[in-house]
Amino acid sequence: MSVTFEQIILDAKRIANRLKDREALGDALLLESESVNKHIESMRQFQDDIDILNKLARDRSNNQLITIIHQENPQIREIQQENRLLKAALEDHQHALEHIMSKYREHTQAKILNTKVNFVEAFTRHHRSADIERRDELIRQQTAKIQEMAAVMQRVSQMDEEKVNQEQEVLSKLMTENKGLRELLEISRKYGSGGQKMLVDDKSTQTDSSLLDGLIEAAITARANVSKPTPTTTPFSPPSPSQSAAAPASGPASTQTGASTTDVTVSPKASSTMPTTDDPARSPNNKSPAAPSNPSTVSNGVATTSPTAPAPSAVAAPASSTTTATSSTS
């Protein structure tokens, strides 16, 4: 049903269009018929005028008509001349008016262009200002970062200087401790019995291994010179690991009442080339009387010895992976 209505509507539209076309055609035909009627009317009027003139000509001669025409010809020429002048003036006026209107159009167009908003230029100007602001913000951020970096570098240089000062302080302490240990080695080389082990404080084992390697080699050389066999003594064989571990616990000279001490031994690499001897008081082959135990201690880089008796030889090794410590308690 809806399709039928649509067809009806389409037919009605088509008929209406046809009616409009026919009305236009009828109007055109009416105009043409009116023009034809006017032309016919003018022809009829002309014919009437001819008839009237013929009637008049019957009453007058041709000479009169010729004279009348000759009289009217100058007037016609004057009128024609005036018409030509008027046409020329009209053309000049039209040219002047066209020139004036063209100038007016140019002027008004220039005014409109001047007052018109240039969106492209405004857009570019806006983006240019935005780019300038963004560049200024980036410059400010970079300046802040540079200032922060300068502060960090200043702090790092200060910390580095403090670290260098600390290292120099530690180095001076180690040099002082090394000097004290060398003095102890000299004392043990001159006055030591070669049979006792020197008790070393735990704090002295925290020295740098690179500074004490030379001390260990010097102590090994001194120990080897001291423990050379003589005609009255028998050569000493290095004890087994179990005996060396049990020796500090059996000797009363290496213990103190109410305190714990640490017996520091050289690493296996050093002990393989350095002969060791037990305490002279516990050695069965030693006929000399046992020297009293007078351990030397090293604390905070300062070496102290007892003035009553000479200090025995000692080997100090750093508390690193190359040293082993065994503690004994009373």
Protein backbone atom coordinates (compact mmCIF):
# COMPACT_ATOMS: atom_id res chain seq x y z
CA MET A 1 0.00 0.00 0.00
CA SER A 2 2.85 2.35 0.82
CA VAL A 3 4.40 1.66 -2.58
CA THR A 4 1.16 2.76 -4.31
CA PHE A 5 1.13 6.02 -2.38
CA GLU A 6 4.73 6.66 -3.35
CA GLN A 7 3.88 6.04 -7.00
CA ILE A 8 0.93 8.42 -6.69
CA ILE A 9 3.16 11.07 -5.14
CA LEU A 10 5.76 10.62 -7.90
CA ASP A 11 3.06 10.87 -10.59
CA ALA A 12 1.68 14.00 -8.95
CA LYS A 13 5.14 15.57 -8.90
CA ARG A 14 5.68 14.67 -12.54
CA ILE A 15 2.29 16.12 -13.52
CA ALA A 16 3.03 19.29 -11.56
CA ASN A 17 6.35 19.67 -13.37
CA ARG A 18 4.60 19.17 -16.70
CA LEU A 19 2.01 21.78 -15.76
CA LYS A 20 4.77 24.23 -14.89
CA ASP A 21 6.48 23.56 -18.22
CA ARG A 22 3.23 24.00 -20.11
CA GLU A 23 2.45 27.20 -18.23
CA ALA A 24 5.87 28.54 -19.17
CA LEU A 25 5.29 27.47 -22.78
CA GLY A 26 1.85 29.14 -22.73
CA ASP A 27 3.35 32.36 -21.38
CA ALA A 28 5.97 32.29 -24.12
CA LEU A 29 3.29 31.70 -26.74
CA LEU A 30 1.23 34.57 -25.33
CA LEU A 31 4.19 36.92 -25.49
CA GLU A 32 4.95 35.83 -29.03
CA SER A 33 1.31 36.27 -30.03
CA GLU A 34 1.28 39.77 -28.51
CA SER A 35 4.41 40.69 -30.41
CA VAL A 36 2.87 39.34 -33.61
CA ASN A 37 -0.29 41.32 -32.92
CA LYS A 38 1.75 44.48 -32.38
CA HIS A 39 3.62 43.86 -35.60
CA ILE A 40 0.36 43.28 -37.45
CA GLU A 41 -1.07 46.41 -35.85
CA SER A 42 1.95 48.44 -36.93
CA MET A 43 1.68 47.06 -40.45
CA ARG A 44 -1.97 47.93 -40.48
CA GLN A 45 -1.17 51.44 -39.22
CA PHE A 46 1.49 51.78 -41.87
CA GLN A 47 -0.95 50.71 -44.50
CA ASP A 48 -3.46 53.25 -43.18
CA ASP A 49 -0.80 55.94 -43.30
CA ILE A 50 0.04 54.98 -46.86
CA ASP A 51 -3.57 55.17 -47.81
CA ILE A 52 -3.88 58.60 -46.19
CA LEU A 53 -0.76 59.79 -47.97
CA ASN A 54 -2.04 58.48 -51.25
CA LYS A 55 -5.28 60.35 -50.72
CA LEU A 56 -3.33 63.51 -49.97
CA ALA A 57 -1.04 62.94 -52.91
CA ARG A 58 -3.92 62.86 -55.25
CA ASP A 59 -4.74 66.39 -54.17
CA ARG A 60 -1.10 67.73 -54.30
CA SER A 61 1.63 67.41 -56.83
CA ASN A 62 4.94 65.63 -56.42
CA ASN A 63 6.85 68.88 -56.39
CA GLN A 64 5.29 69.89 -53.14
CA LEU A 65 6.21 66.56 -51.61
CA ILE A 66 9.79 66.94 -52.78
CA THR A 67 10.07 70.41 -51.32
CA ILE A 68 8.65 69.26 -48.04
CA ILE A 69 11.14 66.39 -47.97
CA HIS A 70 14.00 68.74 -48.77
CA GLN A 71 12.91 71.01 -45.94
CA GLU A 72 12.78 68.14 -43.53
CA ASN A 73 16.17 66.65 -44.52
CA PRO A 74 18.35 69.32 -42.72
CA GLN A 75 16.35 68.86 -39.59
CA ILE A 76 16.82 65.10 -39.86
CA ARG A 77 20.56 65.61 -40.36
CA GLU A 78 20.77 67.86 -37.32
CA ILE A 79 18.85 65.36 -35.28
CA GLN A 80 21.14 62.59 -36.48
CA GLN A 81 24.20 64.70 -35.60
CA GLU A 82 22.81 65.36 -32.16
CA ASN A 83 22.14 61.65 -31.78
CA ARG A 84 25.76 60.88 -32.67
CA LEU A 85 27.02 63.49 -30.18
CA LEU A 86 24.72 62.14 -27.53
CA LYS A 87 25.94 58.62 -28.20
CA ALA A 88 29.57 59.75 -27.91
CA ALA A 89 28.82 61.61 -24.66
CA LEU A 90 26.98 58.58 -23.37
CA GLU A 91 29.93 56.35 -24.22
CA ASP A 92 32.34 58.77 -22.50
CA HIS A 93 30.07 58.90 -19.49
CA GLN A 94 29.91 55.11 -19.39
CA HIS A 95 33.72 54.83 -19.64
CA ALA A 96 34.17 57.39 -16.87
CA LEU A 97 31.60 55.64 -14.73
CA GLU A 98 33.28 52.28 -15.32
CA HIS A 99 36.68 53.79 -14.38
CA ILE A 100 35.19 55.36 -11.23
CA MET A 101 33.50 52.09 -10.28
CA SER A 102 36.70 50.11 -10.84
CA LYS A 103 38.62 52.52 -8.59
CA TYR A 104 35.86 52.32 -6.02
CA ARG A 105 35.94 48.51 -6.14
CA GLU A 106 39.73 48.48 -5.71
CA HIS A 107 39.52 50.90 -2.79
CA THR A 108 36.72 48.98 -1.08
CA GLN A 109 38.51 45.66 -1.67
CA ALA A 110 41.72 47.04 -0.14
CA LYS A 111 39.74 48.30 2.86
CA ILE A 112 38.05 44.93 3.26
CA LEU A 113 41.39 43.11 3.03
CA ASN A 114 42.90 45.44 5.61
CA THR A 115 40.01 45.00 8.01
CA LYS A 116 39.67 41.27 7.34
CA VAL A 117 41.15 38.91 9.93
CA ASN A 118 43.97 36.83 8.50
CA PHE A 119 43.39 33.52 10.21
CA VAL A 120 46.51 31.92 8.71
CA GLU A 121 48.76 34.69 10.00
CA ALA A 122 47.00 34.69 13.37
CA PHE A 123 47.39 30.91 13.57
CA THR A 124 51.08 31.09 12.71
CA ARG A 125 51.59 33.96 15.16
CA HIS A 126 49.85 31.98 17.89
CA HIS A 127 51.96 28.92 17.18
CA ARG A 128 55.07 31.07 17.05
CA SER A 129 54.28 32.54 20.45
CA ALA A 130 53.54 29.03 21.75
CA ASP A 131 56.89 27.84 20.37
CA ILE A 132 58.65 30.77 22.03
CA GLU A 133 56.96 30.01 25.35
CA ARG A 134 57.83 26.33 24.99
CA ARG A 135 61.43 27.24 24.18
CA ASP A 136 61.61 29.55 27.20
CA GLU A 137 60.18 26.81 29.41
CA LEU A 138 62.73 24.35 28.02
CA ILE A 139 65.52 26.84 28.68
CA ARG A 140 64.30 27.30 32.25
CA GLN A 141 64.15 23.54 32.77
CA GLN A 142 67.63 23.07 31.31
CA THR A 143 68.95 25.87 33.51
CA ALA A 144 67.42 24.23 36.58
CA LYS A 145 68.93 20.88 35.57
CA ILE A 146 72.33 22.48 35.01
CA GLN A 147 72.16 24.14 38.42
CA GLU A 148 71.14 20.85 40.01
CA MET A 149 73.96 19.07 38.17
CA ALA A 150 76.42 21.72 39.35
CA ALA A 151 75.23 21.25 42.94
CA VAL A 152 75.55 17.47 42.59
CA MET A 153 79.04 17.82 41.10
CA GLN A 154 80.02 20.17 43.91
CA ARG A 155 78.70 17.68 46.47
CA VAL A 156 80.48 14.82 44.71
CA SER A 157 83.74 16.76 44.65
CA GLN A 158 83.30 17.54 48.36
CA MET A 159 82.61 13.86 49.12
CA ASP A 160 85.58 12.86 46.97
CA GLU A 161 87.79 15.28 48.86
CA GLU A 162 86.50 13.91 52.16
CA LYS A 163 87.14 10.37 50.90
CA VAL A 164 90.66 11.30 49.86
CA ASN A 165 91.27 12.85 53.27
CA GLN A 166 89.94 9.71 54.96
CA GLU A 167 92.13 7.52 52.77
CA GLN A 168 95.14 9.67 53.56
CA GLU A 169 94.30 9.43 57.25
CA VAL A 170 93.95 5.64 57.03
CA LEU A 171 97.19 5.50 55.03
CA SER A 172 98.99 7.54 57.68
CA LYS A 173 97.60 5.23 60.37
CA LEU A 174 98.74 2.19 58.40
CA MET A 175 102.17 3.72 57.89
CA THR A 176 102.41 4.40 61.62
CA GLU A 177 101.29 0.85 62.37
CA ASN A 178 103.73 -0.51 59.79
CA LYS A 179 106.49 1.48 61.40
CA GLY A 180 105.54 0.08 64.82
CA LEU A 181 105.44 -3.46 63.46
CA ARG A 182 108.84 -2.99 61.85
CA GLU A 183 110.17 -1.81 65.19
CA LEU A 184 108.65 -4.89 66.83
CA LEU A 185 110.26 -7.10 64.19
CA GLU A 186 113.61 -5.43 64.75
CA ILE A 187 113.24 -5.94 68.50
CA SER A 188 112.21 -9.57 68.02
CA ARG A 189 115.10 -10.10 65.60
CA LYS A 190 117.60 -8.71 68.11
CA TYR A 191 116.22 -9.91 71.44
CA GLY A 192 113.65 -12.62 70.64
CA SER A 193 114.20 -16.23 71.72
CA GLY A 194 112.75 -17.64 68.50
CA GLY A 195 110.54 -20.04 70.41
CA GLN A 196 107.55 -18.01 71.54
CA LYS A 197 104.68 -16.73 69.46
CA MET A 198 103.71 -13.13 69.88
CA LEU A 199 100.13 -12.45 70.84
CA VAL A 200 98.58 -9.89 68.56
CA ASP A 201 95.49 -7.89 69.26
CA ASP A 202 92.48 -8.45 66.99
CA LYS A 203 92.53 -4.84 65.89
CA SER A 204 96.03 -5.21 64.44
CA THR A 205 94.78 -7.85 62.00
CA GLN A 206 92.61 -5.28 60.17
CA THR A 207 95.60 -3.78 58.36
CA ASP A 208 95.93 -3.71 54.63
CA SER A 209 97.34 -6.90 53.08
CA SER A 210 99.38 -4.97 50.53
CA LEU A 211 101.24 -3.13 53.32
CA LEU A 212 101.86 -6.27 55.43
CA ASP A 213 103.12 -8.60 52.68
CA GLY A 214 106.58 -7.12 53.08
CA LEU A 215 106.33 -7.47 56.86
CA ILE A 216 105.37 -11.14 56.51
CA GLU A 217 108.32 -11.83 54.19
CA ALA A 218 110.69 -10.03 56.57
CA ALA A 219 109.28 -12.00 59.51
CA ILE A 220 109.67 -15.26 57.58
CA THR A 221 113.31 -14.43 56.83
CA ALA A 222 113.98 -13.46 60.45
CA ARG A 223 112.23 -16.59 61.71
CA ALA A 224 114.22 -18.76 59.34
CA ASN A 225 117.47 -17.17 60.55
CA VAL A 226 116.49 -17.62 64.20
CA SER A 227 115.31 -21.23 63.86
CA LYS A 228 118.43 -22.57 62.09
CA PRO A 229 119.66 -25.83 63.77
CA THR A 230 122.68 -25.64 66.12
CA PRO A 231 124.88 -28.46 67.54
CA THR A 232 123.02 -28.30 70.85
CA THR A 233 119.47 -28.28 69.38
CA THR A 234 117.65 -30.61 67.08
CA PRO A 235 115.93 -29.40 63.93
CA PHE A 236 112.29 -28.76 64.35
CA SER A 237 109.77 -30.28 61.99
CA PRO A 238 106.61 -28.36 61.18
CA PRO A 239 103.72 -29.59 63.28
CA SER A 240 100.64 -31.08 61.74
CA PRO A 241 97.48 -28.99 61.47
CA SER A 242 95.95 -30.82 64.45
CA GLN A 243 99.01 -30.14 66.61
CA SER A 244 99.15 -26.48 65.54
CA ALA A 245 95.47 -26.12 66.39
CA ALA A 246 95.91 -27.83 69.78
CA ALA A 247 99.14 -26.07 70.71
CA PRO A 248 97.63 -22.74 71.80
CA ALA A 249 95.20 -24.49 74.11
CA SER A 250 97.98 -26.48 75.93
CA GLY A 251 100.42 -23.65 76.50
CA PRO A 252 99.88 -21.52 79.61
CA ALA A 253 102.04 -18.75 78.21
CA SER A 254 99.55 -17.92 75.46
CA THR A 255 96.58 -17.44 77.80
CA GLN A 256 95.65 -14.68 80.18
CA THR A 257 93.31 -14.82 83.15
CA GLY A 258 89.76 -13.60 82.46
CA ALA A 259 90.43 -12.66 78.78
CA SER A 260 90.56 -14.30 75.34
CA THR A 261 93.46 -13.90 72.94
CA THR A 262 93.89 -14.64 69.26
CA ASP A 263 96.83 -16.64 67.82
CA VAL A 264 97.27 -15.42 64.27
CA THR A 265 99.02 -17.81 61.87
CA VAL A 266 100.18 -17.27 58.35
CA SER A 267 98.19 -18.57 55.40
CA PRO A 268 99.02 -22.00 53.98
CA LYS A 269 101.04 -20.35 51.23
CA ALA A 270 103.25 -18.61 53.78
CA SER A 271 103.34 -21.42 56.33
CA SER A 272 104.61 -23.89 53.76
CA THR A 273 107.87 -21.94 53.50
CA MET A 274 108.15 -20.69 57.09
CA PRO A 275 109.20 -23.13 59.86
CA THR A 276 107.48 -22.64 63.18
CA THR A 277 108.58 -23.59 66.67
CA ASP A 278 106.61 -24.18 69.79
CA ASP A 279 106.95 -22.27 73.00
CA PRO A 280 110.40 -22.86 74.57
CA ALA A 281 108.69 -23.62 77.86
CA ARG A 282 106.81 -26.54 76.23
CA SER A 283 109.56 -27.80 73.89
CA PRO A 284 111.10 -31.05 75.18
CA ASN A 285 114.31 -30.58 73.17
CA ASN A 286 115.03 -27.10 74.38
CA LYS A 287 117.34 -27.12 77.41
CA SER A 288 117.26 -23.37 77.93
CA PRO A 289 114.92 -21.98 80.56
CA ALA A 290 111.57 -20.72 79.31
CA ALA A 291 111.39 -17.01 78.80
CA PRO A 292 108.54 -15.26 80.51
CA SER A 293 105.56 -14.54 78.28
CA ASN A 294 105.50 -10.90 77.39
CA PRO A 295 103.20 -10.49 74.36
CA SER A 296 103.24 -7.33 72.41
CA THR A 297 99.98 -5.78 71.32
CA VAL A 298 99.14 -3.46 68.47
CA SER A 299 96.08 -1.30 68.94
CA ASN A 300 94.84 1.53 66.69
CA GLY A 301 98.12 1.80 64.81
CA VAL A 302 100.34 2.18 68.00
CA ALA A 303 102.71 -0.64 68.98
CA THR A 304 103.48 -1.10 72.70
CA THR A 305 105.98 -3.46 74.33
CA SER A 306 106.74 -4.28 77.92
CA PRO A 307 109.96 -2.74 79.18
CA THR A 308 110.72 -5.62 81.56
CA ALA A 309 111.66 -8.26 78.97
CA PRO A 310 112.48 -8.36 75.27
CA ALA A 311 109.55 -9.20 73.01
CA PRO A 312 109.62 -12.48 71.07
CA SER A 313 109.37 -12.72 67.33
CA ALA A 314 105.91 -12.47 65.87
CA VAL A 315 104.22 -12.76 62.53
CA ALA A 316 101.31 -10.42 61.90
CA ALA A 317 99.00 -11.15 59.02
CA PRO A 318 95.93 -9.23 57.79
CA ALA A 319 92.49 -10.50 58.69
CA SER A 320 91.63 -11.54 55.16
CA SER A 321 91.04 -14.73 53.21
CA THR A 322 94.77 -15.61 53.50
CA THR A 323 94.80 -15.76 57.36
CA THR A 324 93.29 -18.20 59.84
CA ALA A 325 92.70 -17.35 63.50
CA THR A 326 92.18 -19.68 66.42
CA SER A 327 91.07 -18.37 69.80
CA SER A 328 91.66 -19.96 73.17
CA THR A 329 90.08 -19.12 76.51
CA SER A 330 91.43 -19.72 80.01
